């Protein structure tokens, strides 16, 4: 297999992985009726970018497509970091860094002021894990493990099939 073919294969893998990750989140939210928390919504962002980079790796020939595949690695790493943060919040090892994941604390004020400070739409607490398909891992942990798997596959493909240098 040549480096150009491997680049296109990696692009297809990145696209398919993004569809699986975002499709699972969509299924959990719209079919199973799970309400995503703010960290869940944040974890979907890197997969959208990986999808776009996968398209570029698939259709742009040469160095441009290779760089798109290379740039997917830090994006996947960012998703893994978000999954670790979210997993730690779910296991109550630390608090969520997002203020929207916490219930408002009222010290003083009128009932009207309290109601005005409430969010427009209630959200799910970030420390309440969601388990899809009755698996022993929460969706956030599964997303991080999936990102790790795709990171390893992409790194292997990029290292194994490097373009030959021209002298």
C-alpha atoms as a PDB file:
ATOM      1  CA  UNK A   1       0.000   0.000   0.000  1.00  0.00           C
ATOM      2  CA  UNK A   2       1.358   3.409  -0.907  1.00  0.00           C
ATOM      3  CA  UNK A   3       1.338   6.477   1.320  1.00  0.00           C
ATOM      4  CA  UNK A   4      -1.340   8.102  -0.854  1.00  0.00           C
ATOM      5  CA  UNK A   5      -3.660   5.127  -0.575  1.00  0.00           C
ATOM      6  CA  UNK A   6      -3.110   4.945   3.183  1.00  0.00           C
ATOM      7  CA  UNK A   7      -3.920   8.651   3.466  1.00  0.00           C
ATOM      8  CA  UNK A   8      -7.269   8.076   1.767  1.00  0.00           C
ATOM      9  CA  UNK A   9      -7.928   5.015   3.944  1.00  0.00           C
ATOM     10  CA  UNK A  10      -7.189   7.111   7.042  1.00  0.00           C
ATOM     11  CA  UNK A  11      -9.543   9.793   5.772  1.00  0.00           C
ATOM     12  CA  UNK A  12     -12.291   7.200   5.393  1.00  0.00           C
ATOM     13  CA  UNK A  13     -11.552   5.816   8.879  1.00  0.00           C
ATOM     14  CA  UNK A  14     -11.738   9.304  10.399  1.00  0.00           C
ATOM     15  CA  UNK A  15     -15.043   9.994   8.652  1.00  0.00           C
ATOM     16  CA  UNK A  16     -16.516   6.626   9.710  1.00  0.00           C
ATOM     17  CA  UNK A  17     -15.315   7.048  13.308  1.00  0.00           C
ATOM     18  CA  UNK A  18     -16.894  10.512  13.489  1.00  0.00           C
ATOM     19  CA  UNK A  19     -20.170   9.181  12.155  1.00  0.00           C
ATOM     20  CA  UNK A  20     -20.123   6.372  14.739  1.00  0.00           C
ATOM     21  CA  UNK A  21     -19.298   8.752  17.622  1.00  0.00           C
ATOM     22  CA  UNK A  22     -21.812  11.424  16.671  1.00  0.00           C
ATOM     23  CA  UNK A  23     -24.390   8.819  15.649  1.00  0.00           C
ATOM     24  CA  UNK A  24     -24.149   7.129  19.047  1.00  0.00           C
ATOM     25  CA  UNK A  25     -24.660  10.473  20.771  1.00  0.00           C
ATOM     26  CA  UNK A  26     -27.618  11.215  18.494  1.00  0.00           C
ATOM     27  CA  UNK A  27     -29.106   7.768  19.187  1.00  0.00           C
ATOM     28  CA  UNK A  28     -28.747   8.195  22.944  1.00  0.00           C
ATOM     29  CA  UNK A  29     -30.298  11.644  22.866  1.00  0.00           C
ATOM     30  CA  UNK A  30     -33.084  11.257  20.308  1.00  0.00           C
ATOM     31  CA  UNK A  31     -33.989   7.560  20.420  1.00  0.00           C
ATOM     32  CA  UNK A  32     -33.264   6.595  24.038  1.00  0.00           C
ATOM     33  CA  UNK A  33     -34.258  10.048  25.330  1.00  0.00           C
ATOM     34  CA  UNK A  34     -31.101  10.808  27.350  1.00  0.00           C
ATOM     35  CA  UNK A  35     -30.547  14.483  28.099  1.00  0.00           C
ATOM     36  CA  UNK A  36     -26.920  15.484  27.437  1.00  0.00           C
ATOM     37  CA  UNK A  37     -25.049  17.599  29.965  1.00  0.00           C
ATOM     38  CA  UNK A  38     -22.843  20.519  28.950  1.00  0.00           C
ATOM     39  CA  UNK A  39     -19.677  18.378  29.034  1.00  0.00           C
ATOM     40  CA  UNK A  40     -21.391  15.822  26.775  1.00  0.00           C
ATOM     41  CA  UNK A  41     -22.184  18.548  24.270  1.00  0.00           C
ATOM     42  CA  UNK A  42     -18.612  19.838  24.476  1.00  0.00           C
ATOM     43  CA  UNK A  43     -17.208  16.365  23.749  1.00  0.00           C
ATOM     44  CA  UNK A  44     -19.040  16.266  20.412  1.00  0.00           C
ATOM     45  CA  UNK A  45     -17.079  19.232  19.028  1.00  0.00           C
ATOM     46  CA  UNK A  46     -13.799  17.424  18.332  1.00  0.00           C
ATOM     47  CA  UNK A  47     -15.627  14.700  16.411  1.00  0.00           C
ATOM     48  CA  UNK A  48     -17.124  17.302  14.088  1.00  0.00           C
ATOM     49  CA  UNK A  49     -13.634  18.624  13.389  1.00  0.00           C
ATOM     50  CA  UNK A  50     -12.269  15.079  12.892  1.00  0.00           C
ATOM     51  CA  UNK A  51     -15.050  14.544  10.335  1.00  0.00           C
ATOM     52  CA  UNK A  52     -13.966  17.623   8.359  1.00  0.00           C
ATOM     53  CA  UNK A  53     -10.289  16.661   8.587  1.00  0.00           C
ATOM     54  CA  UNK A  54     -11.189  13.158   7.406  1.00  0.00           C
ATOM     55  CA  UNK A  55     -12.912  14.599   4.341  1.00  0.00           C
ATOM     56  CA  UNK A  56      -9.810  16.684   3.587  1.00  0.00           C
ATOM     57  CA  UNK A  57      -7.524  13.658   4.060  1.00  0.00           C
ATOM     58  CA  UNK A  58      -9.755  11.690   1.714  1.00  0.00           C
ATOM     59  CA  UNK A  59     -10.058  14.181  -1.128  1.00  0.00           C
ATOM     60  CA  UNK A  60      -6.945  16.407  -0.991  1.00  0.00           C
ATOM     61  CA  UNK A  61      -3.946  14.682  -2.567  1.00  0.00           C
ATOM     62  CA  UNK A  62      -0.372  14.895  -1.328  1.00  0.00           C
ATOM     63  CA  UNK A  63       0.869  16.883   1.622  1.00  0.00           C
ATOM     64  CA  UNK A  64      -2.383  18.765   2.195  1.00  0.00           C
ATOM     65  CA  UNK A  65      -4.347  15.591   2.798  1.00  0.00           C
ATOM     66  CA  UNK A  66      -1.556  14.126   4.914  1.00  0.00           C
ATOM     67  CA  UNK A  67      -1.520  17.236   7.083  1.00  0.00           C
ATOM     68  CA  UNK A  68      -5.285  16.960   7.526  1.00  0.00           C
ATOM     69  CA  UNK A  69      -4.774  13.418   8.848  1.00  0.00           C
ATOM     70  CA  UNK A  70      -1.903  14.590  11.075  1.00  0.00           C
ATOM     71  CA  UNK A  71      -4.023  17.442  12.466  1.00  0.00           C
ATOM     72  CA  UNK A  72      -6.699  14.945  13.484  1.00  0.00           C
ATOM     73  CA  UNK A  73      -4.301  13.578  16.141  1.00  0.00           C
ATOM     74  CA  UNK A  74      -4.331  16.629  18.473  1.00  0.00           C
ATOM     75  CA  UNK A  75      -8.098  16.915  17.961  1.00  0.00           C
ATOM     76  CA  UNK A  76      -8.539  13.286  19.042  1.00  0.00           C
ATOM     77  CA  UNK A  77      -6.197  13.948  21.984  1.00  0.00           C
ATOM     78  CA  UNK A  78      -8.383  16.903  22.996  1.00  0.00           C
ATOM     79  CA  UNK A  79     -11.430  14.634  22.968  1.00  0.00           C
ATOM     80  CA  UNK A  80      -9.580  12.145  25.177  1.00  0.00           C
ATOM     81  CA  UNK A  81      -8.739  14.935  27.643  1.00  0.00           C
ATOM     82  CA  UNK A  82     -12.401  16.000  27.712  1.00  0.00           C
ATOM     83  CA  UNK A  83     -13.417  12.376  28.334  1.00  0.00           C
ATOM     84  CA  UNK A  84     -10.975  12.099  31.251  1.00  0.00           C
ATOM     85  CA  UNK A  85     -12.309  15.338  32.735  1.00  0.00           C
ATOM     86  CA  UNK A  86     -15.905  14.177  32.285  1.00  0.00           C
ATOM     87  CA  UNK A  87     -15.158  10.701  33.645  1.00  0.00           C
ATOM     88  CA  UNK A  88     -13.566  12.258  36.717  1.00  0.00           C
ATOM     89  CA  UNK A  89     -16.636  14.431  37.246  1.00  0.00           C
ATOM     90  CA  UNK A  90     -18.905  11.385  36.887  1.00  0.00           C
ATOM     91  CA  UNK A  91     -16.868   9.441  39.456  1.00  0.00           C
ATOM     92  CA  UNK A  92     -16.900  12.532  41.696  1.00  0.00           C
ATOM     93  CA  UNK A  93     -13.097  12.784  41.743  1.00  0.00           C
ATOM     94  CA  UNK A  94     -13.387  16.522  40.997  1.00  0.00           C
ATOM     95  CA  UNK A  95     -16.014  19.113  40.141  1.00  0.00           C
ATOM     96  CA  UNK A  96     -16.911  20.082  36.624  1.00  0.00           C
ATOM     97  CA  UNK A  97     -15.024  23.076  35.253  1.00  0.00           C
ATOM     98  CA  UNK A  98     -18.212  24.324  33.579  1.00  0.00           C
ATOM     99  CA  UNK A  99     -20.461  26.546  35.680  1.00  0.00           C
ATOM    100  CA  UNK A 100     -23.536  25.267  33.845  1.00  0.00           C
ATOM    101  CA  UNK A 101     -22.952  21.822  35.380  1.00  0.00           C
ATOM    102  CA  UNK A 102     -23.631  23.143  38.873  1.00  0.00           C
ATOM    103  CA  UNK A 103     -26.918  24.072  40.463  1.00  0.00           C
ATOM    104  CA  UNK A 104     -27.151  27.772  41.287  1.00  0.00           C
ATOM    105  CA  UNK A 105     -26.464  28.692  44.897  1.00  0.00           C
ATOM    106  CA  UNK A 106     -28.791  31.279  46.387  1.00  0.00           C
ATOM    107  CA  UNK A 107     -27.655  33.322  49.342  1.00  0.00           C
ATOM    108  CA  UNK A 108     -30.007  36.256  49.333  1.00  0.00           C
ATOM    109  CA  UNK A 109     -32.614  37.933  47.276  1.00  0.00           C
ATOM    110  CA  UNK A 110     -36.246  37.711  46.491  1.00  0.00           C
ATOM    111  CA  UNK A 111     -38.079  34.818  44.930  1.00  0.00           C
ATOM    112  CA  UNK A 112     -38.269  36.824  41.697  1.00  0.00           C
ATOM    113  CA  UNK A 113     -34.453  37.271  41.655  1.00  0.00           C
ATOM    114  CA  UNK A 114     -33.980  33.551  42.250  1.00  0.00           C
ATOM    115  CA  UNK A 115     -36.302  32.644  39.391  1.00  0.00           C
ATOM    116  CA  UNK A 116     -34.595  35.156  37.087  1.00  0.00           C
ATOM    117  CA  UNK A 117     -31.208  33.518  37.726  1.00  0.00           C
ATOM    118  CA  UNK A 118     -32.441  30.042  36.761  1.00  0.00           C
ATOM    119  CA  UNK A 119     -31.388  28.724  33.330  1.00  0.00           C
ATOM    120  CA  UNK A 120     -33.928  28.940  30.522  1.00  0.00           C
ATOM    121  CA  UNK A 121     -33.745  25.223  29.904  1.00  0.00           C
ATOM    122  CA  UNK A 122     -32.922  22.683  32.592  1.00  0.00           C
ATOM    123  CA  UNK A 123     -29.856  20.585  31.944  1.00  0.00           C
ATOM    124  CA  UNK A 124     -28.564  17.310  33.218  1.00  0.00           C
ATOM    125  CA  UNK A 125     -25.889  17.441  35.916  1.00  0.00           C
ATOM    126  CA  UNK A 126     -22.440  16.545  34.560  1.00  0.00           C
ATOM    127  CA  UNK A 127     -21.789  14.117  37.419  1.00  0.00           C
ATOM    128  CA  UNK A 128     -24.738  11.917  36.448  1.00  0.00           C
ATOM    129  CA  UNK A 129     -23.331   9.291  34.029  1.00  0.00           C
ATOM    130  CA  UNK A 130     -25.317   7.958  31.088  1.00  0.00           C
ATOM    131  CA  UNK A 131     -24.939   4.302  30.159  1.00  0.00           C
ATOM    132  CA  UNK A 132     -25.786   3.419  26.560  1.00  0.00           C
ATOM    133  CA  UNK A 133     -26.740  -0.157  25.612  1.00  0.00           C
ATOM    134  CA  UNK A 134     -26.331  -1.238  29.289  1.00  0.00           C
ATOM    135  CA  UNK A 135     -22.533  -1.288  28.948  1.00  0.00           C
ATOM    136  CA  UNK A 136     -20.383  -0.903  32.092  1.00  0.00           C
ATOM    137  CA  UNK A 137     -18.805   2.331  30.786  1.00  0.00           C
ATOM    138  CA  UNK A 138     -20.537   5.684  30.634  1.00  0.00           C
ATOM    139  CA  UNK A 139     -20.945   7.327  27.249  1.00  0.00           C
ATOM    140  CA  UNK A 140     -18.215   9.852  28.052  1.00  0.00           C
ATOM    141  CA  UNK A 141     -15.703   7.124  28.954  1.00  0.00           C
ATOM    142  CA  UNK A 142     -16.673   5.106  25.863  1.00  0.00           C
ATOM    143  CA  UNK A 143     -16.118   8.192  23.725  1.00  0.00           C
ATOM    144  CA  UNK A 144     -12.658   8.681  25.195  1.00  0.00           C
ATOM    145  CA  UNK A 145     -11.734   5.028  24.662  1.00  0.00           C
ATOM    146  CA  UNK A 146     -13.013   5.201  21.094  1.00  0.00           C
ATOM    147  CA  UNK A 147     -10.954   8.369  20.481  1.00  0.00           C
ATOM    148  CA  UNK A 148      -7.897   6.536  21.866  1.00  0.00           C
ATOM    149  CA  UNK A 149      -8.475   3.616  19.491  1.00  0.00           C
ATOM    150  CA  UNK A 150      -8.805   5.909  16.460  1.00  0.00           C
ATOM    151  CA  UNK A 151      -5.741   7.890  17.632  1.00  0.00           C
ATOM    152  CA  UNK A 152      -3.679   4.669  17.727  1.00  0.00           C
ATOM    153  CA  UNK A 153      -4.923   3.550  14.302  1.00  0.00           C
ATOM    154  CA  UNK A 154      -4.240   6.955  12.733  1.00  0.00           C
ATOM    155  CA  UNK A 155      -0.790   7.230  14.322  1.00  0.00           C
ATOM    156  CA  UNK A 156       0.125   3.748  13.112  1.00  0.00           C
ATOM    157  CA  UNK A 157      -1.065   4.501   9.590  1.00  0.00           C
ATOM    158  CA  UNK A 158       0.784   7.814   9.432  1.00  0.00           C
ATOM    159  CA  UNK A 159       4.025   6.328  10.787  1.00  0.00           C
ATOM    160  CA  UNK A 160       3.923   3.085   8.815  1.00  0.00           C
ATOM    161  CA  UNK A 161       3.123   4.636   5.463  1.00  0.00           C
ATOM    162  CA  UNK A 162       5.247   7.764   5.327  1.00  0.00           C
ATOM    163  CA  UNK A 163       5.848   9.241   1.917  1.00  0.00           C
ATOM    164  CA  UNK A 164       9.265   8.439   0.521  1.00  0.00           C
ATOM    165  CA  UNK A 165      11.615  11.396   0.621  1.00  0.00           C
ATOM    166  CA  UNK A 166      12.870  12.754  -2.672  1.00  0.00           C
ATOM    167  CA  UNK A 167      16.570  13.461  -2.796  1.00  0.00           C
END
